[in-house]
Protein backbone atom coordinates (compact mmCIF):
# COMPACT_ATOMS: atom_id res chain seq x y z
CA MET A 1 -16.93 -7.20 -3.86
CA LEU A 2 -17.24 -4.84 -6.82
CA VAL A 3 -14.83 -2.34 -5.27
CA SER A 4 -12.30 -5.11 -4.54
CA LEU A 5 -12.41 -6.31 -8.14
CA PHE A 6 -12.18 -2.77 -9.52
CA THR A 7 -9.20 -1.81 -7.36
CA VAL A 8 -7.25 -4.93 -8.36
CA ARG A 9 -7.29 -3.78 -12.00
CA ILE A 10 -5.84 -0.35 -11.11
CA VAL A 11 -3.31 -1.70 -8.61
CA LEU A 12 -2.08 -4.35 -11.08
CA LYS A 13 -1.73 -1.74 -13.83
CA THR A 14 0.02 0.76 -11.53
CA LEU A 15 2.42 -1.65 -9.82
CA GLY A 16 3.06 -3.82 -12.87
CA VAL A 17 2.82 -7.60 -13.12
CA GLU A 18 6.16 -8.32 -11.44
CA ASP A 19 5.79 -5.91 -8.48
CA TYR A 20 2.20 -7.03 -7.91
CA GLY A 21 3.38 -10.64 -7.80
CA VAL A 22 6.24 -9.77 -5.43
CA TYR A 23 3.89 -7.80 -3.15
CA ASN A 24 1.47 -10.72 -2.85
CA ALA A 25 4.26 -13.25 -2.36
CA ILE A 26 5.79 -11.21 0.48
CA GLY A 27 2.38 -10.58 1.98
CA GLY A 28 1.82 -14.33 1.74
CA VAL A 29 4.73 -14.98 4.09
CA VAL A 30 3.14 -12.74 6.72
CA LEU A 31 -0.32 -14.20 6.04
CA SER A 32 1.20 -17.61 6.73
CA LEU A 33 1.14 -16.51 10.37
CA SER A 34 -2.52 -15.48 10.12
CA PHE A 35 -3.68 -18.98 11.02
CA ILE A 36 -2.89 -17.99 14.63
CA SER A 37 -5.21 -14.98 14.36
CA SER A 38 -8.02 -16.99 12.74
CA VAL A 39 -7.75 -19.66 15.44
CA LEU A 40 -7.99 -17.09 18.22
CA ALA A 41 -10.85 -15.31 16.42
CA ASN A 42 -12.88 -18.53 16.20
CA ALA A 43 -12.04 -19.34 19.81
CA SER A 44 -13.09 -15.84 20.90
CA GLN A 45 -16.44 -16.05 19.09
CA ARG A 46 -17.09 -19.50 20.54
CA PHE A 47 -16.36 -18.54 24.17
CA PHE A 48 -18.19 -15.22 23.86
CA ALA A 49 -21.23 -16.92 22.30
CA ILE A 50 -21.28 -19.56 25.05
CA GLU A 51 -21.36 -16.93 27.82
CA LEU A 52 -23.97 -14.90 25.93
CA GLY A 53 -26.01 -18.08 25.51
CA LYS A 54 -25.83 -18.58 29.29
CA TYR A 55 -26.66 -14.88 29.88
CA ASP A 56 -23.62 -14.71 32.17
CA THR A 57 -22.28 -11.16 31.73
CA THR A 58 -20.00 -11.36 34.79
CA ASN A 59 -18.05 -14.32 33.47
CA LEU A 60 -18.12 -12.77 29.97
CA LYS A 61 -15.95 -9.92 31.31
CA ARG A 62 -13.43 -12.42 32.68
CA VAL A 63 -13.44 -14.34 29.43
CA PHE A 64 -12.82 -11.19 27.38
CA SER A 65 -9.92 -10.04 29.57
CA THR A 66 -8.32 -13.49 29.51
CA ILE A 67 -8.66 -13.75 25.74
CA PHE A 68 -7.25 -10.24 25.18
CA LEU A 69 -4.23 -11.04 27.38
CA THR A 70 -3.73 -14.22 25.34
CA TYR A 71 -3.76 -12.12 22.16
CA VAL A 72 -1.03 -9.86 23.57
CA PHE A 73 1.21 -12.88 24.24
CA VAL A 74 0.56 -14.21 20.76
CA ALA A 75 1.39 -10.82 19.19
CA ILE A 76 4.76 -10.79 20.98
CA ILE A 77 5.54 -14.32 19.73
CA ILE A 78 4.59 -13.38 16.15
CA ILE A 79 6.85 -10.31 16.21
CA ILE A 80 9.78 -12.49 17.31
CA ILE A 81 9.09 -15.11 14.59
CA ALA A 82 8.49 -12.51 11.88
CA GLU A 83 11.66 -10.54 12.61
CA THR A 84 13.90 -13.62 12.70
CA LEU A 85 12.75 -16.68 10.75
CA GLY A 86 10.38 -14.67 8.53
CA LEU A 87 13.01 -12.15 7.46
CA TRP A 88 15.53 -14.91 6.79
CA PHE A 89 13.06 -16.79 4.60
CA VAL A 90 12.05 -13.72 2.56
CA PHE A 91 15.58 -12.63 1.72
CA ASN A 92 17.20 -16.06 1.36
CA LYS A 93 14.58 -18.38 -0.12
CA MET A 94 12.22 -16.26 -2.23
CA MET A 95 12.75 -15.00 -5.77
CA ILE A 96 13.04 -11.21 -5.37
CA PRO A 97 14.46 -8.87 -8.06
CA SER A 98 17.64 -7.29 -6.66
CA ALA A 99 16.41 -3.79 -7.49
CA ARG A 100 13.35 -4.25 -5.25
CA ILE A 101 15.07 -5.32 -1.99
CA VAL A 102 14.37 -2.01 -0.20
CA ALA A 103 10.75 -1.92 -1.34
CA VAL A 104 10.28 -5.54 -0.27
CA HIS A 105 11.58 -4.69 3.21
CA TRP A 106 8.98 -1.90 3.46
CA VAL A 107 6.22 -4.25 2.35
CA TYR A 108 7.27 -6.94 4.79
CA GLN A 109 7.55 -4.70 7.85
CA LEU A 110 4.25 -2.92 7.16
CA SER A 111 2.54 -6.27 6.55
CA VAL A 112 3.77 -7.46 9.94
CA ALA A 113 2.60 -4.22 11.60
CA SER A 114 -0.85 -4.53 9.96
CA PHE A 115 -1.09 -8.10 11.16
CA ILE A 116 -0.22 -7.19 14.76
CA VAL A 117 -2.86 -4.45 14.79
CA SER A 118 -5.49 -6.85 13.45
CA ILE A 119 -4.60 -9.45 16.10
CA LEU A 120 -4.89 -7.02 19.00
CA MET A 121 -8.19 -5.61 17.71
CA ASN A 122 -9.64 -9.04 16.86
CA PRO A 123 -11.39 -9.62 20.23
CA PHE A 124 -13.33 -6.36 19.81
CA GLN A 125 -14.57 -7.44 16.37
CA ALA A 126 -15.36 -10.91 17.75
CA ILE A 127 -17.59 -9.51 20.51
CA ILE A 128 -19.55 -7.47 17.95
CA ILE A 129 -20.14 -10.57 15.80
CA SER A 130 -20.97 -12.73 18.84
CA ARG A 131 -23.61 -10.20 19.87
CA GLU A 132 -24.95 -10.46 16.31
CA GLU A 133 -24.53 -6.72 15.65
CA MET A 134 -24.12 -7.37 11.94
CA ASN A 135 -25.13 -3.82 10.99
CA VAL A 136 -21.86 -2.56 12.52
CA TYR A 137 -19.93 -5.21 10.62
CA ALA A 138 -21.68 -4.16 7.40
CA TYR A 139 -21.02 -0.43 7.85
CA VAL A 140 -17.32 -0.98 8.58
CA SER A 141 -17.06 -3.24 5.53
CA ILE A 142 -18.55 -0.46 3.38
CA LEU A 143 -16.05 2.01 4.85
CA GLU A 144 -13.26 -0.45 4.07
CA ALA A 145 -14.43 -0.51 0.45
CA VAL A 146 -14.39 3.31 0.31
CA LEU A 147 -10.85 3.35 1.70
CA LYS A 148 -9.79 0.91 -1.04
CA LEU A 149 -11.07 3.35 -3.65
CA LEU A 150 -9.17 6.17 -1.94
CA ILE A 151 -6.00 4.07 -1.92
CA VAL A 152 -6.31 3.51 -5.68
CA TYR A 153 -6.69 7.26 -6.27
CA LEU A 154 -3.66 8.14 -4.10
CA LEU A 155 -1.60 5.36 -5.67
CA VAL A 156 -2.12 6.85 -9.12
CA TYR A 157 -1.80 10.47 -7.97
CA PHE A 158 1.53 10.32 -6.08
CA SER A 159 4.88 9.58 -7.73
CA PHE A 160 6.44 7.86 -4.70
CA ASP A 161 7.60 4.23 -5.18
CA LYS A 162 4.28 2.53 -5.95
CA MET A 163 4.84 -0.72 -4.06
CA GLN A 164 6.04 1.05 -0.92
CA LEU A 165 3.19 3.57 -1.12
CA TYR A 166 0.65 0.76 -1.54
CA ALA A 167 2.01 -1.00 1.56
CA VAL A 168 1.76 2.22 3.61
CA LEU A 169 -1.80 2.97 2.49
CA MET A 170 -2.98 -0.61 3.12
CA PHE A 171 -1.49 -0.41 6.62
CA LEU A 172 -3.32 2.86 7.36
CA SER A 173 -6.58 1.42 6.01
CA GLY A 174 -6.28 -1.56 8.35
CA VAL A 175 -5.54 0.67 11.34
CA ILE A 176 -8.60 2.86 10.66
CA THR A 177 -11.09 -0.03 10.30
CA ASN A 178 -9.74 -1.85 13.37
CA LEU A 179 -9.86 1.30 15.48
CA ILE A 180 -13.54 1.70 14.59
CA TYR A 181 -14.29 -1.80 15.89
CA PHE A 182 -12.34 -0.91 19.04
CA VAL A 183 -14.15 2.37 19.70
CA ILE A 184 -17.66 0.98 19.01
CA SER A 185 -17.20 -2.12 21.18
CA ARG A 186 -15.68 -0.07 24.03
CA ARG A 187 -18.65 2.31 24.01
CA ARG A 188 -21.39 -0.31 23.68
CA TYR A 189 -20.21 -3.29 25.68
CA SER A 190 -18.95 -3.11 29.26
CA GLU A 191 -17.15 -6.46 28.99
CA THR A 192 -14.59 -4.92 26.61
CA HIS A 193 -13.17 -2.71 29.38
CA PHE A 194 -10.02 -4.73 29.88
CA LYS A 195 -8.73 -5.57 33.35
CA ILE A 196 -5.70 -7.70 34.13
CA VAL A 197 -7.32 -11.01 34.99
CA TRP A 198 -5.45 -14.29 34.95
CA ASP A 199 -7.97 -17.10 35.03
CA LYS A 200 -5.82 -20.22 34.85
CA ARG A 201 -8.80 -22.50 34.25
CA MET A 202 -10.12 -20.29 31.45
CA PHE A 203 -6.68 -19.92 29.87
CA LYS A 204 -6.21 -23.71 29.94
CA SER A 205 -9.61 -24.16 28.30
CA ILE A 206 -8.82 -21.59 25.59
CA PHE A 207 -5.37 -23.09 24.99
CA SER A 208 -6.73 -26.65 24.79
CA TYR A 209 -9.43 -25.60 22.33
CA SER A 210 -7.12 -23.38 20.29
CA SER A 211 -4.28 -25.87 20.00
CA TRP A 212 -6.40 -28.19 17.84
CA THR A 213 -8.13 -25.47 15.84
CA LEU A 214 -4.60 -24.14 15.33
CA PHE A 215 -3.74 -27.42 13.66
CA GLY A 216 -6.80 -27.01 11.42
CA SER A 217 -5.72 -23.53 10.41
CA ILE A 218 -2.21 -24.75 9.57
CA ALA A 219 -3.80 -27.13 7.07
CA PHE A 220 -5.77 -24.23 5.55
CA ILE A 221 -2.63 -22.11 5.25
CA CYS A 222 -0.89 -25.02 3.52
CA ASN A 223 -3.73 -24.98 0.99
CA SER A 224 -3.42 -21.25 0.35
CA GLN A 225 -0.31 -19.29 1.28
CA GLY A 226 1.92 -22.37 1.33
CA ILE A 227 1.04 -23.03 -2.30
CA ASN A 228 1.60 -19.35 -3.09
CA ILE A 229 5.13 -19.58 -1.70
CA LEU A 230 5.82 -22.80 -3.64
CA LEU A 231 4.62 -21.11 -6.83
CA ASN A 232 7.15 -18.33 -6.21
CA MET A 233 9.96 -20.81 -5.57
CA PHE A 234 9.28 -22.91 -8.70
CA PHE A 235 7.66 -20.50 -11.20
CA GLY A 236 8.51 -16.95 -10.03
CA PRO A 237 6.48 -13.73 -9.52
CA ILE A 238 4.38 -14.18 -12.68
CA ALA A 239 2.75 -17.27 -11.15
CA ASN A 240 2.21 -15.30 -7.92
CA THR A 241 0.38 -12.61 -9.88
CA ALA A 242 -1.92 -15.20 -11.46
CA TYR A 243 -2.47 -16.77 -8.03
CA ALA A 244 -3.21 -13.35 -6.51
CA ILE A 245 -5.81 -12.61 -9.20
CA GLY A 246 -7.45 -16.00 -8.68
CA ASN A 247 -7.40 -15.44 -4.94
CA GLN A 248 -8.98 -11.98 -5.33
CA VAL A 249 -11.84 -13.48 -7.32
CA LYS A 250 -12.27 -16.30 -4.77
CA THR A 251 -12.17 -13.85 -1.86
CA ALA A 252 -14.70 -11.56 -3.54
CA VAL A 253 -17.27 -14.29 -4.17
CA ASN A 254 -16.61 -15.78 -0.72
CA SER A 255 -17.58 -12.44 0.82
CA PHE A 256 -21.22 -13.35 0.21
CA SER A 257 -21.08 -16.69 1.99
CA GLY A 258 -18.54 -15.52 4.58
CA ASN A 259 -20.59 -12.55 5.75
CA PHE A 260 -23.74 -14.66 5.78
CA PHE A 261 -22.08 -17.33 7.92
CA ASN A 262 -20.61 -14.74 10.31
CA ALA A 263 -24.23 -13.98 11.19
CA VAL A 264 -25.18 -17.67 11.52
CA ARG A 265 -22.21 -18.98 13.55
CA PRO A 266 -23.15 -17.36 16.91
CA PRO A 267 -26.78 -18.66 16.96
CA ILE A 268 -25.51 -22.15 16.02
CA ILE A 269 -23.17 -22.08 19.02
CA LYS A 270 -25.82 -20.60 21.32
CA SER A 271 -28.43 -23.19 20.30
CA TYR A 272 -25.93 -25.97 21.04
CA VAL A 273 -25.14 -24.51 24.48
CA GLN A 274 -28.86 -24.20 25.24
CA HIS A 275 -29.42 -27.84 24.05
CA ASP A 276 -31.85 -26.65 21.39
CA TYR A 277 -30.66 -29.25 18.89
CA MET A 278 -33.74 -29.02 16.67
CA TYR A 279 -33.10 -25.33 16.01
CA MET A 280 -29.37 -26.00 15.58
CA ASN A 281 -30.10 -28.63 12.90
CA LYS A 282 -32.46 -26.25 11.09
CA LEU A 283 -29.74 -23.59 11.08
CA PHE A 284 -27.17 -26.13 9.91
CA TYR A 285 -29.15 -27.36 6.90
CA PHE A 286 -30.50 -23.94 5.92
CA SER A 287 -27.10 -22.21 6.22
CA THR A 288 -25.32 -24.96 4.24
CA LYS A 289 -27.83 -24.68 1.40
CA THR A 290 -27.88 -20.88 1.44
CA ILE A 291 -24.09 -20.56 1.41
CA PHE A 292 -23.80 -22.95 -1.52
CA ALA A 293 -26.66 -21.35 -3.46
CA LEU A 294 -25.25 -17.82 -3.04
CA LEU A 295 -21.86 -18.93 -4.32
CA PHE A 296 -23.23 -21.08 -7.13
CA ILE A 297 -25.31 -18.23 -8.57
CA ILE A 298 -22.22 -16.01 -8.69
CA ILE A 299 -19.64 -18.62 -9.67
CA LEU A 300 -21.44 -20.29 -12.61
CA PRO A 301 -21.35 -17.29 -15.01
CA LEU A 302 -17.82 -16.40 -13.86
CA PHE A 303 -16.64 -19.94 -14.53
CA LEU A 304 -18.18 -20.05 -18.01
CA GLU A 305 -16.89 -16.61 -19.04
CA THR A 306 -13.61 -16.44 -17.09
CA GLU A 307 -11.40 -15.31 -19.96
CA PHE A 308 -13.80 -12.59 -21.13
CA VAL A 309 -14.27 -11.29 -17.56
CA LEU A 310 -10.51 -11.16 -16.98
CA LYS A 311 -9.96 -9.24 -20.24
CA ILE A 312 -12.65 -6.68 -19.37
CA TRP A 313 -11.53 -6.49 -15.74
CA LEU A 314 -7.74 -6.36 -16.13
CA GLY A 315 -7.35 -5.27 -19.74
CA HIS A 316 -5.12 -8.25 -20.52
CA VAL A 317 -4.72 -11.85 -19.39
CA GLU A 318 -1.36 -13.09 -18.17
CA GLN A 319 -0.08 -16.67 -18.16
CA TYR A 320 -1.92 -19.14 -15.87
CA MET A 321 -4.68 -16.65 -14.92
CA VAL A 322 -7.69 -18.26 -16.62
CA MET A 323 -7.08 -21.77 -15.31
CA PHE A 324 -6.10 -20.52 -11.82
CA VAL A 325 -9.37 -18.57 -11.54
CA LYS A 326 -11.51 -21.48 -12.77
CA LEU A 327 -9.91 -23.96 -10.37
CA MET A 328 -10.10 -21.57 -7.42
CA LEU A 329 -13.80 -21.01 -8.07
CA ILE A 330 -14.39 -24.77 -7.95
CA TYR A 331 -12.32 -24.99 -4.77
CA ALA A 332 -14.32 -22.14 -3.17
CA LEU A 333 -17.61 -23.83 -4.03
CA ILE A 334 -16.55 -27.10 -2.40
CA LEU A 335 -14.96 -25.35 0.58
CA SER A 336 -18.20 -23.48 1.33
CA LEU A 337 -19.82 -26.72 2.53
CA SER A 338 -17.39 -27.12 5.42
CA ASP A 339 -18.14 -24.04 7.55
CA PRO A 340 -21.43 -25.19 9.14
CA ILE A 341 -19.92 -28.61 9.95
CA THR A 342 -16.88 -27.01 11.57
CA ALA A 343 -19.10 -24.63 13.57
CA ILE A 344 -21.01 -27.50 15.20
CA ALA A 345 -17.82 -29.43 15.94
CA GLN A 346 -16.28 -26.34 17.53
CA ALA A 347 -19.45 -25.54 19.47
CA SER A 348 -19.26 -29.01 21.06
CA GLY A 349 -15.69 -28.34 22.17
CA LYS A 350 -14.63 -31.80 20.89
CA VAL A 351 -12.14 -30.38 18.45
CA LYS A 352 -9.26 -32.78 19.08
CA ARG A 353 -10.85 -35.61 17.13
CA TYR A 354 -12.33 -33.36 14.44
CA HIS A 355 -9.25 -31.30 13.55
CA GLY A 356 -6.83 -34.13 14.25
CA ILE A 357 -8.42 -36.45 11.68
CA VAL A 358 -9.85 -34.05 9.08
CA ASP A 359 -7.05 -31.50 8.96
CA GLY A 360 -4.40 -34.13 9.56
CA PHE A 361 -5.45 -35.48 6.17
CA SER A 362 -5.91 -32.05 4.52
CA ILE A 363 -2.36 -30.97 5.32
CA LEU A 364 -1.12 -33.54 2.80
CA SER A 365 -1.86 -31.06 0.02
CA LEU A 366 1.36 -29.09 0.58
CA PRO A 367 3.89 -31.96 0.40
CA LEU A 368 1.99 -33.48 -2.53
CA THR A 369 2.12 -30.12 -4.35
CA TYR A 370 5.86 -29.84 -3.64
CA ILE A 371 6.41 -33.33 -5.06
CA ALA A 372 4.31 -32.49 -8.13
CA PHE A 373 6.33 -29.32 -8.80
CA LYS A 374 9.60 -31.14 -8.16
CA VAL A 375 8.85 -33.76 -10.83
CA GLY A 376 7.97 -31.07 -13.35
CA ARG A 377 4.19 -30.82 -13.18
CA ASP A 378 2.40 -27.61 -14.27
CA PRO A 379 1.38 -25.04 -11.60
CA GLU A 380 -2.29 -25.95 -12.12
CA SER A 381 -1.58 -29.34 -10.52
CA ALA A 382 -1.53 -27.62 -7.11
CA PHE A 383 -5.25 -26.89 -7.43
CA TYR A 384 -6.15 -30.35 -8.69
CA ILE A 385 -4.40 -31.79 -5.64
CA SER A 386 -6.18 -29.38 -3.26
CA ILE A 387 -9.60 -30.11 -4.75
CA GLY A 388 -9.05 -33.88 -4.56
CA ILE A 389 -7.75 -33.70 -0.99
CA PHE A 390 -10.64 -31.52 0.15
CA LEU A 391 -13.35 -33.70 -1.42
CA THR A 392 -11.95 -36.67 0.48
CA ALA A 393 -11.57 -34.61 3.66
CA HIS A 394 -15.23 -33.58 3.45
CA ILE A 395 -16.31 -37.20 3.72
CA LEU A 396 -14.06 -37.50 6.78
CA ARG A 397 -15.75 -34.39 8.25
CA LEU A 398 -19.15 -36.05 8.05
CA ILE A 399 -17.90 -39.29 9.62
CA VAL A 400 -16.20 -37.45 12.49
CA LEU A 401 -19.17 -35.13 13.04
CA ARG A 402 -21.42 -38.18 13.43
CA SER A 403 -19.18 -39.40 16.25
CA ILE A 404 -19.34 -36.01 18.01
CA VAL A 405 -23.06 -35.15 17.81
CA LYS A 406 -26.20 -36.92 16.69
CA PHE A 407 -25.91 -36.59 12.94
CA SER A 408 -27.17 -38.62 9.96
CA ILE A 409 -24.82 -38.87 6.98
CA ARG A 410 -27.60 -40.50 4.97
CA ARG A 411 -29.88 -37.52 5.62
CA TYR A 412 -27.05 -35.13 4.68
CA PHE A 413 -26.60 -36.85 1.31
CA ILE A 414 -30.35 -37.00 0.64
CA PHE A 415 -31.13 -33.37 1.52
CA ILE A 416 -27.86 -31.61 0.59
CA VAL A 417 -25.39 -33.55 -1.58
CA ILE A 418 -27.79 -35.13 -4.10
CA PRO A 419 -29.89 -31.95 -4.62
CA ILE A 420 -26.66 -29.94 -5.08
CA ILE A 421 -25.35 -32.35 -7.74
CA ILE A 422 -28.68 -32.28 -9.59
CA SER A 423 -28.85 -28.48 -9.36
CA ILE A 424 -25.32 -28.12 -10.79
CA ALA A 425 -26.14 -30.43 -13.70
CA VAL A 426 -29.44 -28.67 -14.45
CA ALA A 427 -27.79 -25.24 -14.54
CA PHE A 428 -24.36 -26.02 -16.00
CA ILE A 429 -25.14 -28.32 -18.95
CA PRO A 430 -27.64 -25.99 -20.76
CA SER A 431 -25.45 -22.93 -19.98
CA TYR A 432 -22.34 -24.63 -21.37
CA TRP A 433 -24.21 -25.74 -24.49
CA LEU A 434 -25.55 -22.22 -25.08
CA MET A 435 -22.07 -20.72 -24.61
CA ASN A 436 -20.67 -22.94 -27.38
CA ALA A 437 -23.66 -22.16 -29.61
CA ILE A 438 -23.39 -18.34 -29.50
CA ASN A 439 -19.62 -17.56 -29.63
CA ASP A 440 -19.96 -13.78 -29.97
CA GLY A 441 -17.95 -11.72 -27.43
CA VAL A 442 -20.03 -9.20 -25.50
CA LEU A 443 -23.39 -10.60 -26.65
CA GLN A 444 -22.32 -14.08 -25.58
CA PHE A 445 -21.22 -12.78 -22.17
CA LEU A 446 -24.50 -10.93 -21.53
CA ILE A 447 -26.73 -13.81 -22.64
CA ILE A 448 -24.72 -16.51 -20.86
CA SER A 449 -24.48 -14.48 -17.64
CA LEU A 450 -28.23 -13.81 -17.49
CA PHE A 451 -29.10 -17.36 -18.51
CA ALA A 452 -26.62 -18.95 -16.04
CA VAL A 453 -27.71 -16.76 -13.11
CA LEU A 454 -31.37 -17.48 -13.84
CA LEU A 455 -30.84 -21.23 -14.11
CA ALA A 456 -28.56 -21.38 -11.06
CA GLY A 457 -31.07 -19.36 -9.01
CA LEU A 458 -34.11 -21.39 -10.04
CA SER A 459 -32.39 -24.76 -9.72
CA SER A 460 -31.11 -23.78 -6.25
CA LEU A 461 -34.50 -22.53 -5.12
CA PHE A 462 -36.57 -25.47 -6.37
CA ILE A 463 -34.08 -28.36 -6.13
CA ILE A 464 -31.76 -27.59 -3.21
CA PHE A 465 -34.30 -25.92 -0.89
CA ARG A 466 -37.29 -27.81 0.48
CA LYS A 467 -40.85 -26.47 0.37
CA GLU A 468 -40.87 -25.09 3.94
CA GLU A 469 -37.50 -23.42 3.35
CA ARG A 470 -38.82 -21.74 0.20
CA GLN A 471 -41.87 -20.55 2.11
CA PHE A 472 -39.63 -19.05 4.79
CA PHE A 473 -37.56 -17.32 2.10
CA PHE A 474 -40.59 -15.81 0.34
CA ARG A 475 -42.11 -14.75 3.67
CA PHE A 476 -38.86 -13.02 4.58
CA LEU A 477 -38.84 -11.09 1.27
CA LYS A 478 -42.47 -10.08 1.71
CA GLU A 479 -41.76 -8.74 5.23
CA ARG A 480 -38.81 -6.75 3.91
CA GLN A 481 -40.91 -5.14 1.18
CA SER A 482 -43.61 -4.13 3.66
């Protein structure tokens, strides 16, 4: 997280505000296709976890080969879409400075190439996560951070066109990290030795499952990259730069909850397959609380001191940045509650009802944002719309989940929602009051950060978590120290 935030400052300074905005806008077009990859990744982890939960290594090999072949077909389709419709959209609908056409073409083609590599290597990463080998995932993530630092150094050192050079280096970084996943999984797990297997029943099952999770991912893309593209169309590259900065902050803080949940998802799926619903419920409640608490502790001081942090981090604050970051932090905090619910729904395989209702509603954010921009609303309105849509969609998630598995909405509100609201009030109100009372630059930042982290941590520990969960947490820390 720290490396990601540090490198953004250097990259923004080296590329300049306009080129950085153009780079992220063009990358956003390619990332708009990434919903296909995320759908297949979730499907892969689910099917791998099910076979591992059944201890069926023979069928696991067939599942892996079928999924990998599916990925190859998807990669071919994406190349066709990217080189036709994607290219047309970039050069006919987006606001690109005429002097940067050649550089934009470099960025686009390398972004597509990076995306294809990540798709083809995705099953190998999915098998590592499904086998809960999180140490491998952690080591590769650290290497990825080191490569980001190296990219920053090379970007400053060489005089080649900065945006083109950045695209090349990011492509090479992606190839290296994905190849490591490939090599490790091939050496450790026999099921990753691909053989041409066409299991029609398995393919039909994967396609049926993926088609509805695909719909869910389209809704997510509409809430992220779709808005990014609309910002470019209505407000230009400067708005894209502000969006990119806000997204970098959101992605950095989400790395805590995301990596934690990557470790929790497989055992949730396995416990469902093994009909161990008591353990599944324990994982559900504990993971929901832990994800929220981790994010809240980080987000509260960032939210209170956004402008100061941006000035220290970037050296200057451009238009829209402060409000974009604040709103994206709120959005990330709310969004964090959805992952455990989605995991159970996907583990059950009853995704048609879940994604059809929940994400069918969530997808409204994009047309509503377009309408808001068309009638002259400020760019911040996109985030207000997304937050409002998602809060409503979360209630729909709970209602739909209750119809899929045995689930108590009343219990969810008593043990999660109400404690979270109380915890936020207990930590935010005194921190906000203290911030207005001090008003002294660096001293204010240090005092508010320490005070907010302390309050957020204590309120999470003693309000959100129950007594037995606190005891488990303290026992875990004691075991680690010994």
